[in-house]
N, C-alpha and C. Protein backbone atom coordinates (compact mmCIF):
# COMPACT_ATOMS: atom_id res chain seq x y z
N MET A 1 15.24 8.19 -3.27
CA MET A 1 13.83 8.10 -2.88
C MET A 1 13.23 9.50 -2.98
N ARG A 2 11.99 9.55 -3.35
CA ARG A 2 11.35 10.85 -3.50
C ARG A 2 10.20 11.01 -2.51
N PRO A 3 10.04 12.21 -1.93
CA PRO A 3 8.94 12.45 -1.00
C PRO A 3 7.61 12.52 -1.76
N ILE A 4 6.58 11.88 -1.18
CA ILE A 4 5.26 11.92 -1.81
C ILE A 4 4.18 12.48 -0.90
N GLY A 5 4.50 12.70 0.38
CA GLY A 5 3.51 13.24 1.31
C GLY A 5 3.95 13.07 2.74
N SER A 6 3.12 13.54 3.63
CA SER A 6 3.38 13.44 5.06
C SER A 6 2.74 12.18 5.63
N ILE A 7 3.42 11.52 6.53
CA ILE A 7 2.85 10.35 7.19
C ILE A 7 1.60 10.72 7.98
N HIS A 8 1.48 11.99 8.36
CA HIS A 8 0.31 12.44 9.12
C HIS A 8 -0.97 12.43 8.28
N GLU A 9 -0.84 12.27 6.95
CA GLU A 9 -2.01 12.17 6.07
C GLU A 9 -2.68 10.80 6.17
N ILE A 10 -1.98 9.84 6.77
CA ILE A 10 -2.50 8.48 6.85
C ILE A 10 -2.66 8.08 8.32
N PRO A 11 -3.88 7.90 8.81
CA PRO A 11 -4.05 7.42 10.18
C PRO A 11 -3.50 6.00 10.33
N PRO A 12 -3.01 5.64 11.51
CA PRO A 12 -2.53 4.27 11.73
C PRO A 12 -3.62 3.25 11.40
N GLY A 13 -3.21 2.19 10.70
CA GLY A 13 -4.16 1.15 10.32
C GLY A 13 -4.93 1.43 9.05
N GLU A 14 -4.53 2.46 8.28
CA GLU A 14 -5.23 2.81 7.05
C GLU A 14 -4.24 3.00 5.90
N GLY A 15 -4.80 3.21 4.72
CA GLY A 15 -4.00 3.46 3.52
C GLY A 15 -4.50 4.68 2.78
N ARG A 16 -3.67 5.22 1.91
CA ARG A 16 -4.02 6.35 1.05
C ARG A 16 -3.39 6.10 -0.31
N THR A 17 -4.02 6.66 -1.34
CA THR A 17 -3.52 6.53 -2.70
C THR A 17 -2.81 7.80 -3.12
N TYR A 18 -1.66 7.63 -3.76
CA TYR A 18 -0.86 8.75 -4.28
C TYR A 18 -0.59 8.51 -5.76
N ALA A 19 -0.63 9.58 -6.55
CA ALA A 19 -0.23 9.51 -7.96
C ALA A 19 1.26 9.82 -8.02
N VAL A 20 2.05 8.88 -8.56
CA VAL A 20 3.50 9.02 -8.62
C VAL A 20 3.95 8.63 -10.03
N ASP A 21 4.44 9.60 -10.77
CA ASP A 21 4.96 9.34 -12.12
C ASP A 21 3.98 8.55 -12.99
N GLY A 22 2.73 8.95 -12.96
CA GLY A 22 1.72 8.30 -13.78
C GLY A 22 1.18 6.99 -13.25
N ARG A 23 1.63 6.58 -12.08
CA ARG A 23 1.15 5.34 -11.44
C ARG A 23 0.37 5.70 -10.19
N MET A 24 -0.61 4.88 -9.86
CA MET A 24 -1.34 5.04 -8.61
C MET A 24 -0.75 4.05 -7.62
N ILE A 25 -0.27 4.60 -6.48
CA ILE A 25 0.41 3.82 -5.45
C ILE A 25 -0.39 3.90 -4.16
N ALA A 26 -0.65 2.76 -3.54
CA ALA A 26 -1.30 2.72 -2.23
C ALA A 26 -0.21 2.64 -1.17
N VAL A 27 -0.26 3.56 -0.21
CA VAL A 27 0.68 3.55 0.91
C VAL A 27 -0.11 3.24 2.17
N PHE A 28 0.36 2.26 2.92
CA PHE A 28 -0.32 1.80 4.12
C PHE A 28 0.54 2.11 5.34
N ARG A 29 -0.10 2.69 6.36
CA ARG A 29 0.57 2.95 7.65
C ARG A 29 0.09 1.88 8.62
N LEU A 30 0.96 0.95 8.92
CA LEU A 30 0.58 -0.15 9.80
C LEU A 30 0.56 0.30 11.26
N ARG A 31 -0.16 -0.44 12.07
CA ARG A 31 -0.32 -0.05 13.48
C ARG A 31 0.98 -0.14 14.27
N ASP A 32 1.98 -0.84 13.76
CA ASP A 32 3.27 -0.90 14.45
C ASP A 32 4.18 0.27 14.06
N GLY A 33 3.69 1.18 13.21
CA GLY A 33 4.46 2.34 12.80
C GLY A 33 5.18 2.18 11.47
N SER A 34 5.23 0.96 10.94
CA SER A 34 5.89 0.74 9.66
C SER A 34 4.97 1.13 8.51
N VAL A 35 5.53 1.23 7.32
CA VAL A 35 4.75 1.56 6.12
C VAL A 35 5.04 0.53 5.03
N ARG A 36 4.07 0.34 4.16
CA ARG A 36 4.19 -0.52 2.99
C ARG A 36 3.57 0.22 1.81
N ALA A 37 4.02 -0.11 0.60
CA ALA A 37 3.46 0.50 -0.61
C ALA A 37 3.26 -0.57 -1.67
N THR A 38 2.10 -0.54 -2.30
CA THR A 38 1.76 -1.47 -3.38
C THR A 38 1.07 -0.69 -4.49
N GLN A 39 0.83 -1.39 -5.60
CA GLN A 39 -0.03 -0.79 -6.61
C GLN A 39 -1.37 -0.50 -5.95
N ALA A 40 -2.07 0.53 -6.42
CA ALA A 40 -3.29 0.96 -5.75
C ALA A 40 -4.55 0.25 -6.24
N VAL A 41 -4.45 -0.42 -7.39
CA VAL A 41 -5.63 -1.01 -8.00
C VAL A 41 -5.56 -2.54 -7.92
N CYS A 42 -6.62 -3.13 -7.44
CA CYS A 42 -6.71 -4.59 -7.34
C CYS A 42 -6.65 -5.19 -8.74
N PRO A 43 -5.80 -6.21 -8.95
CA PRO A 43 -5.72 -6.83 -10.28
C PRO A 43 -6.94 -7.68 -10.63
N HIS A 44 -7.78 -7.96 -9.67
CA HIS A 44 -8.96 -8.79 -9.93
C HIS A 44 -10.04 -8.01 -10.67
N ARG A 45 -10.50 -6.90 -10.08
CA ARG A 45 -11.57 -6.12 -10.70
C ARG A 45 -11.39 -4.62 -10.49
N GLY A 46 -10.17 -4.19 -10.22
CA GLY A 46 -9.90 -2.76 -10.13
C GLY A 46 -10.31 -2.09 -8.84
N GLY A 47 -10.47 -2.85 -7.77
CA GLY A 47 -10.86 -2.27 -6.49
C GLY A 47 -9.79 -1.36 -5.92
N PRO A 48 -10.20 -0.38 -5.09
CA PRO A 48 -9.26 0.57 -4.48
C PRO A 48 -8.58 -0.04 -3.25
N LEU A 49 -7.39 -0.56 -3.42
CA LEU A 49 -6.73 -1.28 -2.33
C LEU A 49 -6.46 -0.41 -1.11
N ALA A 50 -6.23 0.88 -1.29
CA ALA A 50 -5.98 1.76 -0.14
C ALA A 50 -7.18 1.82 0.79
N ASP A 51 -8.36 1.47 0.28
CA ASP A 51 -9.57 1.44 1.11
C ASP A 51 -9.80 0.09 1.76
N GLY A 52 -8.92 -0.87 1.49
CA GLY A 52 -9.06 -2.21 2.04
C GLY A 52 -8.67 -2.27 3.50
N GLN A 53 -9.00 -3.39 4.11
CA GLN A 53 -8.61 -3.63 5.49
C GLN A 53 -7.18 -4.17 5.52
N ILE A 54 -6.42 -3.71 6.52
CA ILE A 54 -5.04 -4.17 6.66
C ILE A 54 -4.79 -4.62 8.09
N ASP A 55 -3.79 -5.47 8.21
CA ASP A 55 -3.21 -5.78 9.51
C ASP A 55 -1.70 -5.65 9.34
N LEU A 56 -0.92 -6.28 10.15
CA LEU A 56 0.53 -6.14 10.02
C LEU A 56 1.10 -6.96 8.86
N ARG A 57 0.26 -7.77 8.22
CA ARG A 57 0.76 -8.68 7.20
C ARG A 57 0.09 -8.55 5.84
N GLN A 58 -1.21 -8.23 5.80
CA GLN A 58 -1.94 -8.32 4.54
C GLN A 58 -2.90 -7.16 4.33
N VAL A 59 -3.28 -7.00 3.05
CA VAL A 59 -4.35 -6.08 2.68
C VAL A 59 -5.45 -6.92 2.04
N ILE A 60 -6.70 -6.57 2.35
CA ILE A 60 -7.86 -7.25 1.80
C ILE A 60 -8.64 -6.25 0.96
N CYS A 61 -8.85 -6.58 -0.31
CA CYS A 61 -9.58 -5.69 -1.21
C CYS A 61 -11.01 -5.50 -0.71
N PRO A 62 -11.49 -4.25 -0.71
CA PRO A 62 -12.84 -4.00 -0.20
C PRO A 62 -13.96 -4.51 -1.12
N LEU A 63 -13.65 -4.84 -2.38
CA LEU A 63 -14.72 -5.27 -3.29
C LEU A 63 -15.03 -6.75 -3.21
N HIS A 64 -14.02 -7.61 -3.27
CA HIS A 64 -14.28 -9.05 -3.33
C HIS A 64 -13.48 -9.85 -2.32
N LEU A 65 -12.85 -9.16 -1.36
CA LEU A 65 -12.18 -9.78 -0.22
C LEU A 65 -10.97 -10.64 -0.59
N ASN A 66 -10.35 -10.38 -1.73
CA ASN A 66 -9.09 -11.03 -2.06
C ASN A 66 -8.00 -10.42 -1.19
N ALA A 67 -6.95 -11.20 -0.90
CA ALA A 67 -5.92 -10.75 0.04
C ALA A 67 -4.53 -10.90 -0.57
N TRP A 68 -3.63 -9.98 -0.15
CA TRP A 68 -2.23 -10.00 -0.58
C TRP A 68 -1.31 -9.71 0.59
N ASP A 69 -0.13 -10.31 0.55
CA ASP A 69 0.91 -10.02 1.53
C ASP A 69 1.45 -8.62 1.25
N LEU A 70 1.48 -7.77 2.25
CA LEU A 70 1.91 -6.38 2.07
C LEU A 70 3.41 -6.23 1.84
N THR A 71 4.20 -7.19 2.26
CA THR A 71 5.64 -7.10 2.08
C THR A 71 6.10 -7.61 0.72
N THR A 72 5.52 -8.73 0.30
CA THR A 72 5.96 -9.36 -0.95
C THR A 72 5.04 -9.10 -2.14
N GLY A 73 3.78 -8.75 -1.86
CA GLY A 73 2.79 -8.59 -2.93
C GLY A 73 2.17 -9.90 -3.37
N CYS A 74 2.61 -11.01 -2.79
CA CYS A 74 2.09 -12.32 -3.18
C CYS A 74 0.62 -12.46 -2.80
N SER A 75 -0.15 -13.01 -3.73
CA SER A 75 -1.56 -13.24 -3.47
C SER A 75 -1.75 -14.33 -2.43
N LEU A 76 -2.72 -14.12 -1.55
CA LEU A 76 -3.08 -15.12 -0.55
C LEU A 76 -4.41 -15.77 -0.89
N SER A 77 -4.96 -15.40 -2.09
CA SER A 77 -6.29 -15.88 -2.46
C SER A 77 -6.39 -16.27 -3.94
N GLY A 78 -5.25 -16.59 -4.58
CA GLY A 78 -5.29 -17.10 -5.94
C GLY A 78 -5.40 -16.07 -7.04
N GLN A 79 -5.20 -14.80 -6.73
CA GLN A 79 -5.24 -13.73 -7.74
C GLN A 79 -3.81 -13.40 -8.18
N PRO A 80 -3.65 -12.60 -9.24
CA PRO A 80 -2.30 -12.15 -9.60
C PRO A 80 -1.65 -11.38 -8.46
N ASP A 81 -0.33 -11.47 -8.37
CA ASP A 81 0.40 -10.76 -7.33
C ASP A 81 0.37 -9.25 -7.56
N LEU A 82 0.62 -8.50 -6.50
CA LEU A 82 0.71 -7.04 -6.57
C LEU A 82 2.15 -6.60 -6.78
N THR A 83 2.31 -5.45 -7.38
CA THR A 83 3.61 -4.80 -7.43
C THR A 83 3.81 -4.09 -6.10
N VAL A 84 4.96 -4.30 -5.47
CA VAL A 84 5.28 -3.59 -4.23
C VAL A 84 6.41 -2.59 -4.51
N TYR A 85 6.45 -1.53 -3.73
CA TYR A 85 7.43 -0.47 -3.91
C TYR A 85 8.18 -0.23 -2.61
N PRO A 86 9.48 0.08 -2.70
CA PRO A 86 10.22 0.44 -1.49
C PRO A 86 9.67 1.76 -0.94
N VAL A 87 9.46 1.79 0.35
CA VAL A 87 8.92 2.98 1.00
C VAL A 87 9.48 3.07 2.41
N ARG A 88 9.70 4.28 2.87
CA ARG A 88 10.14 4.48 4.26
C ARG A 88 9.72 5.88 4.70
N ILE A 89 9.87 6.12 5.99
CA ILE A 89 9.54 7.42 6.57
C ILE A 89 10.84 8.07 7.03
N ASP A 90 10.99 9.36 6.70
CA ASP A 90 12.14 10.14 7.15
C ASP A 90 11.63 11.52 7.53
N ASP A 91 11.77 11.87 8.81
CA ASP A 91 11.32 13.17 9.30
C ASP A 91 9.87 13.43 8.93
N ASN A 92 9.02 12.42 9.14
CA ASN A 92 7.57 12.46 8.90
C ASN A 92 7.18 12.52 7.43
N GLU A 93 8.15 12.42 6.51
CA GLU A 93 7.85 12.40 5.09
C GLU A 93 7.85 10.96 4.59
N ILE A 94 6.87 10.62 3.74
CA ILE A 94 6.83 9.33 3.08
C ILE A 94 7.76 9.40 1.88
N LEU A 95 8.74 8.50 1.84
CA LEU A 95 9.70 8.47 0.73
C LEU A 95 9.48 7.19 -0.06
N LEU A 96 9.30 7.32 -1.35
CA LEU A 96 9.04 6.19 -2.22
C LEU A 96 10.13 6.08 -3.27
N GLY A 97 10.55 4.84 -3.58
CA GLY A 97 11.53 4.65 -4.63
C GLY A 97 12.62 3.69 -4.24
N ASP A 98 13.71 3.74 -4.98
CA ASP A 98 14.84 2.86 -4.71
C ASP A 98 15.54 3.27 -3.43
N GLU A 99 16.05 2.28 -2.72
CA GLU A 99 16.77 2.55 -1.45
C GLU A 99 18.04 3.32 -1.68
């Protein structure tokens, strides 16, 4: 896993976008302290998913209100699924990649 930033860059309940190896990745800090990572661009119309609303289960695109499961990437609104990435926190660093 590779470090991509500090967890302190993301307030609880929000997301941030990171450029990783030519890909844009949205990292979400959930209110329970866990993190999730998905592709950063909505497959519907290119909306910025890191700016979407999240809860402990889903992200909602800020442009057209489509929703996806944050753990599986499965669409909850009939759109293409999202790519999800393994992510964890170690010593306040966000680590992205294979376990």
